[in-house]
């Protein structure tokens, strides 16, 4: 069975480079029906995609550019937005253009095969690789294979609340996700927080008496919530002049598993444009039926079921 990965993960592989090394190798790829990747250099006025194959020019005709283009359920922006980015395709033939051999490509066919052979077999709870393709205030759209998109709502990104998904992700970032649900049209919704560790797993990284970095996520009259890790926040006493989004150095005063509380003292807070740290995953593969965030002794149960 073919392996279907988010676009961009094949382009630098040895096999992909070998197939793009010569016209003879491209013909081998054609007969093998191999899934390849190349960078889109141009989208012409008719919305055909021109792909850099190194040794030869490649063209993806508009209707072969994505699932749904021919049916009108997907807009042409799905093609235009691929310029200067990798795309997956198979070679469907060769033609001549002004005496030059051109490879005719299909991205739609790869997406059809990806849906049939890979996505149709997924079930809620499956952990899969994904690539962040587009970020909106309500969530992120992720490529889960061959450019096929799935939505990860903002409240599924982490236990610690964030003001915008760009506080956690950047476009093009490779991540892991868990399949949360399918709708009637077959569209997939993803989750992420279940892969970032339970309260207990995260809290075990910290000790009373330490001073550690954090990010101020919320300022309330009763206290200030400081994120210590994507799935862990502590509470400090209210103090004037501290703004959400500020970075801070915080002293860990106490850790109370039964109440899922970490009491903090803010030593200092300041503005800084530090890049978001890559997510530390506790789960990267397999399947989850039930995930319990709260520790056994906690008075409150926080869980996800799939």
C-alpha atoms as a PDB file:
ATOM      1  CA  UNK A   1       0.000   0.000   0.000  1.00  0.00           C
ATOM      2  CA  UNK A   2       1.250   3.496  -0.841  1.00  0.00           C
ATOM      3  CA  UNK A   3       2.274   5.855   1.943  1.00  0.00           C
ATOM      4  CA  UNK A   4       0.362   9.154   1.914  1.00  0.00           C
ATOM      5  CA  UNK A   5       2.029  11.955   3.840  1.00  0.00           C
ATOM      6  CA  UNK A   6       1.302  15.668   4.220  1.00  0.00           C
ATOM      7  CA  UNK A   7       2.694  17.593   1.269  1.00  0.00           C
ATOM      8  CA  UNK A   8       6.283  18.679   1.736  1.00  0.00           C
ATOM      9  CA  UNK A   9       7.468  15.518   3.485  1.00  0.00           C
ATOM     10  CA  UNK A  10       8.477  13.653   0.306  1.00  0.00           C
ATOM     11  CA  UNK A  11      10.230  16.332  -1.707  1.00  0.00           C
ATOM     12  CA  UNK A  12      13.681  15.918  -0.131  1.00  0.00           C
ATOM     13  CA  UNK A  13      13.623  12.128   0.170  1.00  0.00           C
ATOM     14  CA  UNK A  14      16.214  10.090  -1.703  1.00  0.00           C
ATOM     15  CA  UNK A  15      13.548   8.288  -3.756  1.00  0.00           C
ATOM     16  CA  UNK A  16      11.866  11.514  -4.842  1.00  0.00           C
ATOM     17  CA  UNK A  17      15.186  13.074  -5.846  1.00  0.00           C
ATOM     18  CA  UNK A  18      16.112   9.959  -7.806  1.00  0.00           C
ATOM     19  CA  UNK A  19      12.885  10.026  -9.799  1.00  0.00           C
ATOM     20  CA  UNK A  20      13.366  13.729 -10.632  1.00  0.00           C
ATOM     21  CA  UNK A  21      17.003  13.263 -11.640  1.00  0.00           C
ATOM     22  CA  UNK A  22      16.425  12.496 -15.330  1.00  0.00           C
ATOM     23  CA  UNK A  23      13.773  12.039 -17.999  1.00  0.00           C
ATOM     24  CA  UNK A  24      14.465   8.288 -17.915  1.00  0.00           C
ATOM     25  CA  UNK A  25      13.784   8.190 -14.161  1.00  0.00           C
ATOM     26  CA  UNK A  26      10.566  10.176 -14.675  1.00  0.00           C
ATOM     27  CA  UNK A  27       9.403   7.567 -17.162  1.00  0.00           C
ATOM     28  CA  UNK A  28      10.179   4.898 -14.538  1.00  0.00           C
ATOM     29  CA  UNK A  29       7.997   6.856 -12.078  1.00  0.00           C
ATOM     30  CA  UNK A  30       5.211   6.989 -14.681  1.00  0.00           C
ATOM     31  CA  UNK A  31       5.192   3.203 -15.172  1.00  0.00           C
ATOM     32  CA  UNK A  32       5.473   2.610 -11.397  1.00  0.00           C
ATOM     33  CA  UNK A  33       2.631   5.089 -10.709  1.00  0.00           C
ATOM     34  CA  UNK A  34       4.877   6.523  -7.998  1.00  0.00           C
ATOM     35  CA  UNK A  35       3.680   9.413  -5.847  1.00  0.00           C
ATOM     36  CA  UNK A  36       6.156  12.270  -6.257  1.00  0.00           C
ATOM     37  CA  UNK A  37       6.515  15.844  -5.030  1.00  0.00           C
ATOM     38  CA  UNK A  38       7.703  19.026  -6.689  1.00  0.00           C
ATOM     39  CA  UNK A  39       7.476  22.761  -6.076  1.00  0.00           C
ATOM     40  CA  UNK A  40       4.820  24.795  -7.891  1.00  0.00           C
ATOM     41  CA  UNK A  41       6.546  27.642  -9.721  1.00  0.00           C
ATOM     42  CA  UNK A  42       3.529  29.281 -11.353  1.00  0.00           C
ATOM     43  CA  UNK A  43      -0.245  29.183 -11.627  1.00  0.00           C
ATOM     44  CA  UNK A  44      -1.148  30.460 -15.093  1.00  0.00           C
ATOM     45  CA  UNK A  45      -4.238  32.420 -16.129  1.00  0.00           C
ATOM     46  CA  UNK A  46      -6.190  29.204 -16.697  1.00  0.00           C
ATOM     47  CA  UNK A  47      -5.174  27.978 -13.238  1.00  0.00           C
ATOM     48  CA  UNK A  48      -2.922  25.197 -14.468  1.00  0.00           C
ATOM     49  CA  UNK A  49      -0.052  24.556 -12.053  1.00  0.00           C
ATOM     50  CA  UNK A  50       3.500  24.564 -13.421  1.00  0.00           C
ATOM     51  CA  UNK A  51       5.735  22.299 -11.355  1.00  0.00           C
ATOM     52  CA  UNK A  52       9.529  22.231 -11.158  1.00  0.00           C
ATOM     53  CA  UNK A  53      10.667  18.681 -11.906  1.00  0.00           C
ATOM     54  CA  UNK A  54      14.319  19.632 -12.226  1.00  0.00           C
ATOM     55  CA  UNK A  55      15.019  17.787 -15.463  1.00  0.00           C
ATOM     56  CA  UNK A  56      11.690  18.533 -17.131  1.00  0.00           C
ATOM     57  CA  UNK A  57       8.714  20.856 -17.050  1.00  0.00           C
ATOM     58  CA  UNK A  58       5.586  19.490 -15.372  1.00  0.00           C
ATOM     59  CA  UNK A  59       2.004  20.743 -15.655  1.00  0.00           C
ATOM     60  CA  UNK A  60      -1.003  19.915 -13.512  1.00  0.00           C
ATOM     61  CA  UNK A  61      -4.125  20.840 -15.523  1.00  0.00           C
ATOM     62  CA  UNK A  62      -6.653  22.845 -13.514  1.00  0.00           C
ATOM     63  CA  UNK A  63      -9.149  19.993 -13.086  1.00  0.00           C
ATOM     64  CA  UNK A  64      -6.348  17.714 -11.876  1.00  0.00           C
ATOM     65  CA  UNK A  65      -5.151  20.259  -9.293  1.00  0.00           C
ATOM     66  CA  UNK A  66      -7.354  19.183  -6.386  1.00  0.00           C
ATOM     67  CA  UNK A  67     -10.369  17.102  -5.441  1.00  0.00           C
ATOM     68  CA  UNK A  68     -13.540  19.141  -5.944  1.00  0.00           C
ATOM     69  CA  UNK A  69     -12.211  21.615  -8.528  1.00  0.00           C
ATOM     70  CA  UNK A  70     -13.959  19.885 -11.432  1.00  0.00           C
ATOM     71  CA  UNK A  71     -17.188  19.495  -9.415  1.00  0.00           C
ATOM     72  CA  UNK A  72     -17.111  23.136  -8.273  1.00  0.00           C
ATOM     73  CA  UNK A  73     -17.084  22.269  -4.560  1.00  0.00           C
ATOM     74  CA  UNK A  74     -13.547  23.631  -4.148  1.00  0.00           C
ATOM     75  CA  UNK A  75     -12.550  27.135  -5.248  1.00  0.00           C
ATOM     76  CA  UNK A  76      -9.549  27.974  -7.399  1.00  0.00           C
ATOM     77  CA  UNK A  77      -7.843  29.619  -4.414  1.00  0.00           C
ATOM     78  CA  UNK A  78      -6.905  26.056  -3.452  1.00  0.00           C
ATOM     79  CA  UNK A  79      -4.708  26.022  -6.566  1.00  0.00           C
ATOM     80  CA  UNK A  80      -3.408  29.598  -6.428  1.00  0.00           C
ATOM     81  CA  UNK A  81      -2.297  29.140  -2.806  1.00  0.00           C
ATOM     82  CA  UNK A  82       0.006  26.246  -3.789  1.00  0.00           C
ATOM     83  CA  UNK A  83       2.441  28.510  -5.659  1.00  0.00           C
ATOM     84  CA  UNK A  84       5.986  28.208  -4.243  1.00  0.00           C
ATOM     85  CA  UNK A  85       4.933  25.191  -2.182  1.00  0.00           C
ATOM     86  CA  UNK A  86       5.384  21.427  -2.694  1.00  0.00           C
ATOM     87  CA  UNK A  87       2.542  19.371  -4.166  1.00  0.00           C
ATOM     88  CA  UNK A  88       2.033  15.633  -4.479  1.00  0.00           C
ATOM     89  CA  UNK A  89       1.283  14.123  -7.879  1.00  0.00           C
ATOM     90  CA  UNK A  90       1.539  11.133 -10.165  1.00  0.00           C
ATOM     91  CA  UNK A  91       2.658  11.357 -13.780  1.00  0.00           C
ATOM     92  CA  UNK A  92      -0.247  10.558 -16.110  1.00  0.00           C
ATOM     93  CA  UNK A  93       1.600  10.985 -19.400  1.00  0.00           C
ATOM     94  CA  UNK A  94       3.928  13.085 -21.497  1.00  0.00           C
ATOM     95  CA  UNK A  95       3.223  15.657 -24.187  1.00  0.00           C
ATOM     96  CA  UNK A  96       5.160  17.957 -26.458  1.00  0.00           C
ATOM     97  CA  UNK A  97       5.106  21.734 -26.111  1.00  0.00           C
ATOM     98  CA  UNK A  98       7.071  23.771 -28.668  1.00  0.00           C
ATOM     99  CA  UNK A  99       9.274  20.755 -29.308  1.00  0.00           C
ATOM    100  CA  UNK A 100       9.899  20.265 -25.588  1.00  0.00           C
ATOM    101  CA  UNK A 101       8.725  17.195 -23.660  1.00  0.00           C
ATOM    102  CA  UNK A 102       6.375  18.063 -20.814  1.00  0.00           C
ATOM    103  CA  UNK A 103       5.194  15.725 -18.040  1.00  0.00           C
ATOM    104  CA  UNK A 104       1.437  15.812 -17.435  1.00  0.00           C
ATOM    105  CA  UNK A 105       0.657  15.432 -13.746  1.00  0.00           C
ATOM    106  CA  UNK A 106      -2.365  14.793 -11.505  1.00  0.00           C
ATOM    107  CA  UNK A 107      -2.633  15.861  -7.891  1.00  0.00           C
ATOM    108  CA  UNK A 108      -6.327  14.963  -7.795  1.00  0.00           C
ATOM    109  CA  UNK A 109      -5.570  11.302  -8.460  1.00  0.00           C
ATOM    110  CA  UNK A 110      -3.201  11.147  -5.475  1.00  0.00           C
ATOM    111  CA  UNK A 111      -5.873  12.743  -3.277  1.00  0.00           C
ATOM    112  CA  UNK A 112      -8.461  10.223  -4.491  1.00  0.00           C
ATOM    113  CA  UNK A 113      -6.127   7.348  -3.645  1.00  0.00           C
ATOM    114  CA  UNK A 114      -5.287   8.935  -0.290  1.00  0.00           C
ATOM    115  CA  UNK A 115      -8.986   9.138   0.626  1.00  0.00           C
ATOM    116  CA  UNK A 116      -9.666   5.588  -0.510  1.00  0.00           C
ATOM    117  CA  UNK A 117      -6.589   3.825   0.879  1.00  0.00           C
ATOM    118  CA  UNK A 118      -5.714   5.895   3.950  1.00  0.00           C
ATOM    119  CA  UNK A 119      -8.289   8.387   5.193  1.00  0.00           C
ATOM    120  CA  UNK A 120     -11.270   6.035   4.809  1.00  0.00           C
ATOM    121  CA  UNK A 121      -9.544   3.616   7.216  1.00  0.00           C
ATOM    122  CA  UNK A 122      -9.040   6.210   9.973  1.00  0.00           C
ATOM    123  CA  UNK A 123     -11.220   6.097  13.076  1.00  0.00           C
ATOM    124  CA  UNK A 124     -11.688   8.579  15.954  1.00  0.00           C
ATOM    125  CA  UNK A 125      -8.759   8.182  18.328  1.00  0.00           C
ATOM    126  CA  UNK A 126      -6.146   7.427  15.667  1.00  0.00           C
ATOM    127  CA  UNK A 127      -2.914   9.414  16.109  1.00  0.00           C
ATOM    128  CA  UNK A 128      -1.547  10.677  12.799  1.00  0.00           C
ATOM    129  CA  UNK A 129       1.141  13.033  11.442  1.00  0.00           C
ATOM    130  CA  UNK A 130      -0.078  16.348  10.023  1.00  0.00           C
ATOM    131  CA  UNK A 131       1.265  19.646   8.719  1.00  0.00           C
ATOM    132  CA  UNK A 132      -0.196  23.032   9.634  1.00  0.00           C
ATOM    133  CA  UNK A 133      -1.274  24.554   6.332  1.00  0.00           C
ATOM    134  CA  UNK A 134      -3.405  27.573   7.278  1.00  0.00           C
ATOM    135  CA  UNK A 135      -4.098  29.422  10.531  1.00  0.00           C
ATOM    136  CA  UNK A 136      -7.333  31.202  11.460  1.00  0.00           C
ATOM    137  CA  UNK A 137      -8.509  32.686  14.740  1.00  0.00           C
ATOM    138  CA  UNK A 138     -10.904  29.772  15.322  1.00  0.00           C
ATOM    139  CA  UNK A 139      -8.367  27.033  14.635  1.00  0.00           C
ATOM    140  CA  UNK A 140      -5.841  25.624  12.213  1.00  0.00           C
ATOM    141  CA  UNK A 141      -6.277  23.699   8.994  1.00  0.00           C
ATOM    142  CA  UNK A 142      -3.909  20.759   8.720  1.00  0.00           C
ATOM    143  CA  UNK A 143      -2.762  18.697   5.762  1.00  0.00           C
ATOM    144  CA  UNK A 144      -3.260  15.077   6.811  1.00  0.00           C
ATOM    145  CA  UNK A 145      -2.158  13.551   3.511  1.00  0.00           C
ATOM    146  CA  UNK A 146      -1.594  14.674  -0.086  1.00  0.00           C
ATOM    147  CA  UNK A 147      -2.968  18.152   0.632  1.00  0.00           C
ATOM    148  CA  UNK A 148      -6.284  16.938   2.083  1.00  0.00           C
ATOM    149  CA  UNK A 149      -7.311  19.293   4.858  1.00  0.00           C
ATOM    150  CA  UNK A 150      -8.759  18.763   8.345  1.00  0.00           C
ATOM    151  CA  UNK A 151      -9.700  21.357  10.972  1.00  0.00           C
ATOM    152  CA  UNK A 152      -8.252  21.540  14.475  1.00  0.00           C
ATOM    153  CA  UNK A 153     -10.412  23.954  16.548  1.00  0.00           C
ATOM    154  CA  UNK A 154      -8.578  26.320  18.896  1.00  0.00           C
ATOM    155  CA  UNK A 155     -10.019  24.675  22.034  1.00  0.00           C
ATOM    156  CA  UNK A 156      -8.494  21.343  20.959  1.00  0.00           C
ATOM    157  CA  UNK A 157      -4.946  22.642  20.576  1.00  0.00           C
ATOM    158  CA  UNK A 158      -3.922  22.545  24.258  1.00  0.00           C
ATOM    159  CA  UNK A 159      -5.330  22.472  27.767  1.00  0.00           C
ATOM    160  CA  UNK A 160      -3.770  25.859  28.448  1.00  0.00           C
ATOM    161  CA  UNK A 161      -5.966  28.441  26.726  1.00  0.00           C
ATOM    162  CA  UNK A 162      -4.358  30.564  24.046  1.00  0.00           C
ATOM    163  CA  UNK A 163      -5.559  33.831  22.465  1.00  0.00           C
ATOM    164  CA  UNK A 164      -4.866  32.679  18.908  1.00  0.00           C
ATOM    165  CA  UNK A 165      -3.549  29.479  17.292  1.00  0.00           C
ATOM    166  CA  UNK A 166      -0.447  31.363  16.120  1.00  0.00           C
ATOM    167  CA  UNK A 167       0.651  31.382  19.765  1.00  0.00           C
ATOM    168  CA  UNK A 168       1.227  27.631  19.357  1.00  0.00           C
ATOM    169  CA  UNK A 169       1.771  26.955  15.637  1.00  0.00           C
ATOM    170  CA  UNK A 170       3.275  28.358  12.449  1.00  0.00           C
ATOM    171  CA  UNK A 171       2.247  27.528   8.879  1.00  0.00           C
ATOM    172  CA  UNK A 172       4.281  24.626   7.521  1.00  0.00           C
ATOM    173  CA  UNK A 173       4.955  23.147  10.965  1.00  0.00           C
ATOM    174  CA  UNK A 174       4.944  19.349  11.163  1.00  0.00           C
ATOM    175  CA  UNK A 175       2.910  18.109  14.125  1.00  0.00           C
ATOM    176  CA  UNK A 176       0.976  15.104  15.396  1.00  0.00           C
ATOM    177  CA  UNK A 177      -2.786  15.074  15.854  1.00  0.00           C
ATOM    178  CA  UNK A 178      -5.556  12.728  16.943  1.00  0.00           C
ATOM    179  CA  UNK A 179      -8.671  12.172  14.840  1.00  0.00           C
ATOM    180  CA  UNK A 180     -11.574  13.559  16.874  1.00  0.00           C
ATOM    181  CA  UNK A 181     -14.586  13.084  14.611  1.00  0.00           C
ATOM    182  CA  UNK A 182     -16.014  12.812  11.101  1.00  0.00           C
ATOM    183  CA  UNK A 183     -19.018  14.817   9.906  1.00  0.00           C
ATOM    184  CA  UNK A 184     -21.694  13.605   7.483  1.00  0.00           C
ATOM    185  CA  UNK A 185     -19.682  14.882   4.510  1.00  0.00           C
ATOM    186  CA  UNK A 186     -16.628  12.939   5.641  1.00  0.00           C
ATOM    187  CA  UNK A 187     -14.698  15.997   6.816  1.00  0.00           C
ATOM    188  CA  UNK A 188     -12.325  15.307   9.701  1.00  0.00           C
ATOM    189  CA  UNK A 189     -11.930  17.297  12.901  1.00  0.00           C
ATOM    190  CA  UNK A 190      -8.644  16.923  14.756  1.00  0.00           C
ATOM    191  CA  UNK A 191      -7.486  17.357  18.331  1.00  0.00           C
ATOM    192  CA  UNK A 192      -4.008  17.914  19.742  1.00  0.00           C
ATOM    193  CA  UNK A 193      -4.116  18.418  23.504  1.00  0.00           C
ATOM    194  CA  UNK A 194      -4.376  14.694  24.276  1.00  0.00           C
ATOM    195  CA  UNK A 195      -0.864  14.186  22.880  1.00  0.00           C
ATOM    196  CA  UNK A 196       0.770  16.798  25.130  1.00  0.00           C
ATOM    197  CA  UNK A 197       0.614  14.861  28.391  1.00  0.00           C
ATOM    198  CA  UNK A 198      -1.647  14.655  31.429  1.00  0.00           C
ATOM    199  CA  UNK A 199      -1.570  17.076  34.359  1.00  0.00           C
ATOM    200  CA  UNK A 200       0.559  14.572  36.274  1.00  0.00           C
ATOM    201  CA  UNK A 201       3.018  14.036  33.409  1.00  0.00           C
ATOM    202  CA  UNK A 202       3.493  17.770  32.939  1.00  0.00           C
ATOM    203  CA  UNK A 203       3.662  18.614  36.648  1.00  0.00           C
ATOM    204  CA  UNK A 204       6.391  15.992  37.157  1.00  0.00           C
ATOM    205  CA  UNK A 205       8.717  18.253  35.145  1.00  0.00           C
ATOM    206  CA  UNK A 206       8.579  20.912  37.906  1.00  0.00           C
ATOM    207  CA  UNK A 207       9.509  21.061  41.589  1.00  0.00           C
ATOM    208  CA  UNK A 208       8.555  23.296  44.511  1.00  0.00           C
ATOM    209  CA  UNK A 209      11.223  25.932  45.071  1.00  0.00           C
ATOM    210  CA  UNK A 210      12.221  26.249  41.415  1.00  0.00           C
ATOM    211  CA  UNK A 211      12.016  29.484  39.445  1.00  0.00           C
ATOM    212  CA  UNK A 212      11.030  28.761  35.848  1.00  0.00           C
ATOM    213  CA  UNK A 213       9.888  30.613  32.718  1.00  0.00           C
ATOM    214  CA  UNK A 214       6.227  31.010  31.828  1.00  0.00           C
ATOM    215  CA  UNK A 215       3.795  32.964  29.655  1.00  0.00           C
ATOM    216  CA  UNK A 216       0.955  35.009  31.127  1.00  0.00           C
ATOM    217  CA  UNK A 217      -2.231  33.740  29.490  1.00  0.00           C
ATOM    218  CA  UNK A 218      -4.987  35.381  31.532  1.00  0.00           C
ATOM    219  CA  UNK A 219      -5.207  38.191  34.071  1.00  0.00           C
ATOM    220  CA  UNK A 220      -8.224  37.968  36.398  1.00  0.00           C
ATOM    221  CA  UNK A 221      -9.151  39.874  39.541  1.00  0.00           C
ATOM    222  CA  UNK A 222      -8.573  36.745  41.630  1.00  0.00           C
ATOM    223  CA  UNK A 223      -5.193  35.919  40.070  1.00  0.00           C
ATOM    224  CA  UNK A 224      -2.951  35.555  37.052  1.00  0.00           C
ATOM    225  CA  UNK A 225      -2.768  32.335  35.045  1.00  0.00           C
ATOM    226  CA  UNK A 226       0.742  31.544  33.839  1.00  0.00           C
ATOM    227  CA  UNK A 227       1.384  28.787  31.304  1.00  0.00           C
ATOM    228  CA  UNK A 228       4.315  26.590  32.291  1.00  0.00           C
ATOM    229  CA  UNK A 229       3.754  24.110  29.435  1.00  0.00           C
ATOM    230  CA  UNK A 230       1.053  23.814  26.735  1.00  0.00           C
ATOM    231  CA  UNK A 231      -0.951  21.469  28.979  1.00  0.00           C
ATOM    232  CA  UNK A 232      -0.106  23.038  32.333  1.00  0.00           C
ATOM    233  CA  UNK A 233      -0.779  26.409  33.955  1.00  0.00           C
ATOM    234  CA  UNK A 234      -0.326  27.771  37.445  1.00  0.00           C
ATOM    235  CA  UNK A 235      -1.976  30.605  39.352  1.00  0.00           C
ATOM    236  CA  UNK A 236      -0.206  33.614  40.834  1.00  0.00           C
ATOM    237  CA  UNK A 237      -1.679  36.389  42.952  1.00  0.00           C
ATOM    238  CA  UNK A 238      -3.063  39.418  41.111  1.00  0.00           C
ATOM    239  CA  UNK A 239      -0.586  42.194  40.459  1.00  0.00           C
ATOM    240  CA  UNK A 240      -1.017  45.485  38.625  1.00  0.00           C
ATOM    241  CA  UNK A 241       0.688  46.122  35.312  1.00  0.00           C
ATOM    242  CA  UNK A 242       0.952  42.534  34.080  1.00  0.00           C
ATOM    243  CA  UNK A 243      -0.528  41.933  30.642  1.00  0.00           C
ATOM    244  CA  UNK A 244      -1.641  38.720  28.896  1.00  0.00           C
ATOM    245  CA  UNK A 245       1.064  37.505  26.528  1.00  0.00           C
ATOM    246  CA  UNK A 246       3.884  38.745  28.765  1.00  0.00           C
ATOM    247  CA  UNK A 247       6.768  36.447  29.535  1.00  0.00           C
ATOM    248  CA  UNK A 248       7.564  35.875  33.177  1.00  0.00           C
ATOM    249  CA  UNK A 249       9.908  34.264  35.626  1.00  0.00           C
ATOM    250  CA  UNK A 250       7.830  32.472  38.262  1.00  0.00           C
ATOM    251  CA  UNK A 251       8.676  30.857  41.600  1.00  0.00           C
ATOM    252  CA  UNK A 252       6.834  27.576  42.274  1.00  0.00           C
ATOM    253  CA  UNK A 253       5.322  27.878  45.736  1.00  0.00           C
ATOM    254  CA  UNK A 254       3.310  24.633  45.864  1.00  0.00           C
ATOM    255  CA  UNK A 255       2.013  21.760  43.691  1.00  0.00           C
ATOM    256  CA  UNK A 256      -1.342  20.264  44.734  1.00  0.00           C
ATOM    257  CA  UNK A 257      -2.390  17.232  42.586  1.00  0.00           C
ATOM    258  CA  UNK A 258      -5.749  16.740  44.339  1.00  0.00           C
ATOM    259  CA  UNK A 259      -6.848  20.172  43.136  1.00  0.00           C
ATOM    260  CA  UNK A 260      -4.730  20.274  39.969  1.00  0.00           C
ATOM    261  CA  UNK A 261      -3.224  23.500  41.232  1.00  0.00           C
ATOM    262  CA  UNK A 262       0.220  24.988  41.033  1.00  0.00           C
ATOM    263  CA  UNK A 263       0.665  28.133  43.117  1.00  0.00           C
ATOM    264  CA  UNK A 264       3.151  30.633  41.727  1.00  0.00           C
ATOM    265  CA  UNK A 265       4.848  33.882  42.631  1.00  0.00           C
ATOM    266  CA  UNK A 266       5.707  36.132  39.700  1.00  0.00           C
ATOM    267  CA  UNK A 267       9.299  37.282  40.127  1.00  0.00           C
ATOM    268  CA  UNK A 268       9.335  39.418  36.979  1.00  0.00           C
ATOM    269  CA  UNK A 269       7.302  39.960  33.807  1.00  0.00           C
ATOM    270  CA  UNK A 270       8.318  41.520  30.523  1.00  0.00           C
ATOM    271  CA  UNK A 271       7.513  41.694  26.815  1.00  0.00           C
ATOM    272  CA  UNK A 272       9.561  39.538  24.463  1.00  0.00           C
ATOM    273  CA  UNK A 273       9.188  38.172  20.962  1.00  0.00           C
ATOM    274  CA  UNK A 274      10.421  34.662  21.669  1.00  0.00           C
ATOM    275  CA  UNK A 275       9.489  32.063  19.023  1.00  0.00           C
ATOM    276  CA  UNK A 276       6.977  29.403  20.072  1.00  0.00           C
ATOM    277  CA  UNK A 277       8.670  26.291  21.391  1.00  0.00           C
ATOM    278  CA  UNK A 278       8.018  23.045  19.456  1.00  0.00           C
ATOM    279  CA  UNK A 279       5.434  20.856  21.155  1.00  0.00           C
ATOM    280  CA  UNK A 280       6.744  18.083  23.405  1.00  0.00           C
ATOM    281  CA  UNK A 281       4.674  15.014  22.598  1.00  0.00           C
ATOM    282  CA  UNK A 282       3.946  12.245  25.073  1.00  0.00           C
ATOM    283  CA  UNK A 283       2.066  10.294  22.361  1.00  0.00           C
ATOM    284  CA  UNK A 284       3.151  10.206  18.692  1.00  0.00           C
ATOM    285  CA  UNK A 285       1.435   7.133  17.278  1.00  0.00           C
ATOM    286  CA  UNK A 286      -1.182   4.469  17.863  1.00  0.00           C
ATOM    287  CA  UNK A 287      -4.778   4.862  18.978  1.00  0.00           C
ATOM    288  CA  UNK A 288      -6.518   6.467  21.956  1.00  0.00           C
ATOM    289  CA  UNK A 289      -9.963   5.363  23.162  1.00  0.00           C
ATOM    290  CA  UNK A 290      -9.965   7.413  26.365  1.00  0.00           C
ATOM    291  CA  UNK A 291      -7.577  10.012  27.713  1.00  0.00           C
ATOM    292  CA  UNK A 292      -7.745  11.267  31.294  1.00  0.00           C
ATOM    293  CA  UNK A 293      -6.003  14.576  31.975  1.00  0.00           C
ATOM    294  CA  UNK A 294      -6.710  14.790  35.702  1.00  0.00           C
ATOM    295  CA  UNK A 295      -4.651  12.788  38.258  1.00  0.00           C
ATOM    296  CA  UNK A 296      -6.342   9.912  40.173  1.00  0.00           C
ATOM    297  CA  UNK A 297      -6.563  11.898  43.426  1.00  0.00           C
ATOM    298  CA  UNK A 298      -8.149  14.911  41.776  1.00  0.00           C
ATOM    299  CA  UNK A 299     -11.620  16.025  42.845  1.00  0.00           C
ATOM    300  CA  UNK A 300     -12.408  16.901  39.219  1.00  0.00           C
ATOM    301  CA  UNK A 301     -12.393  14.568  36.195  1.00  0.00           C
ATOM    302  CA  UNK A 302     -11.170  15.949  32.869  1.00  0.00           C
ATOM    303  CA  UNK A 303     -11.184  13.441  30.036  1.00  0.00           C
ATOM    304  CA  UNK A 304     -11.556  12.899  26.306  1.00  0.00           C
ATOM    305  CA  UNK A 305     -13.295   9.899  24.769  1.00  0.00           C
ATOM    306  CA  UNK A 306     -13.151   8.861  21.141  1.00  0.00           C
END
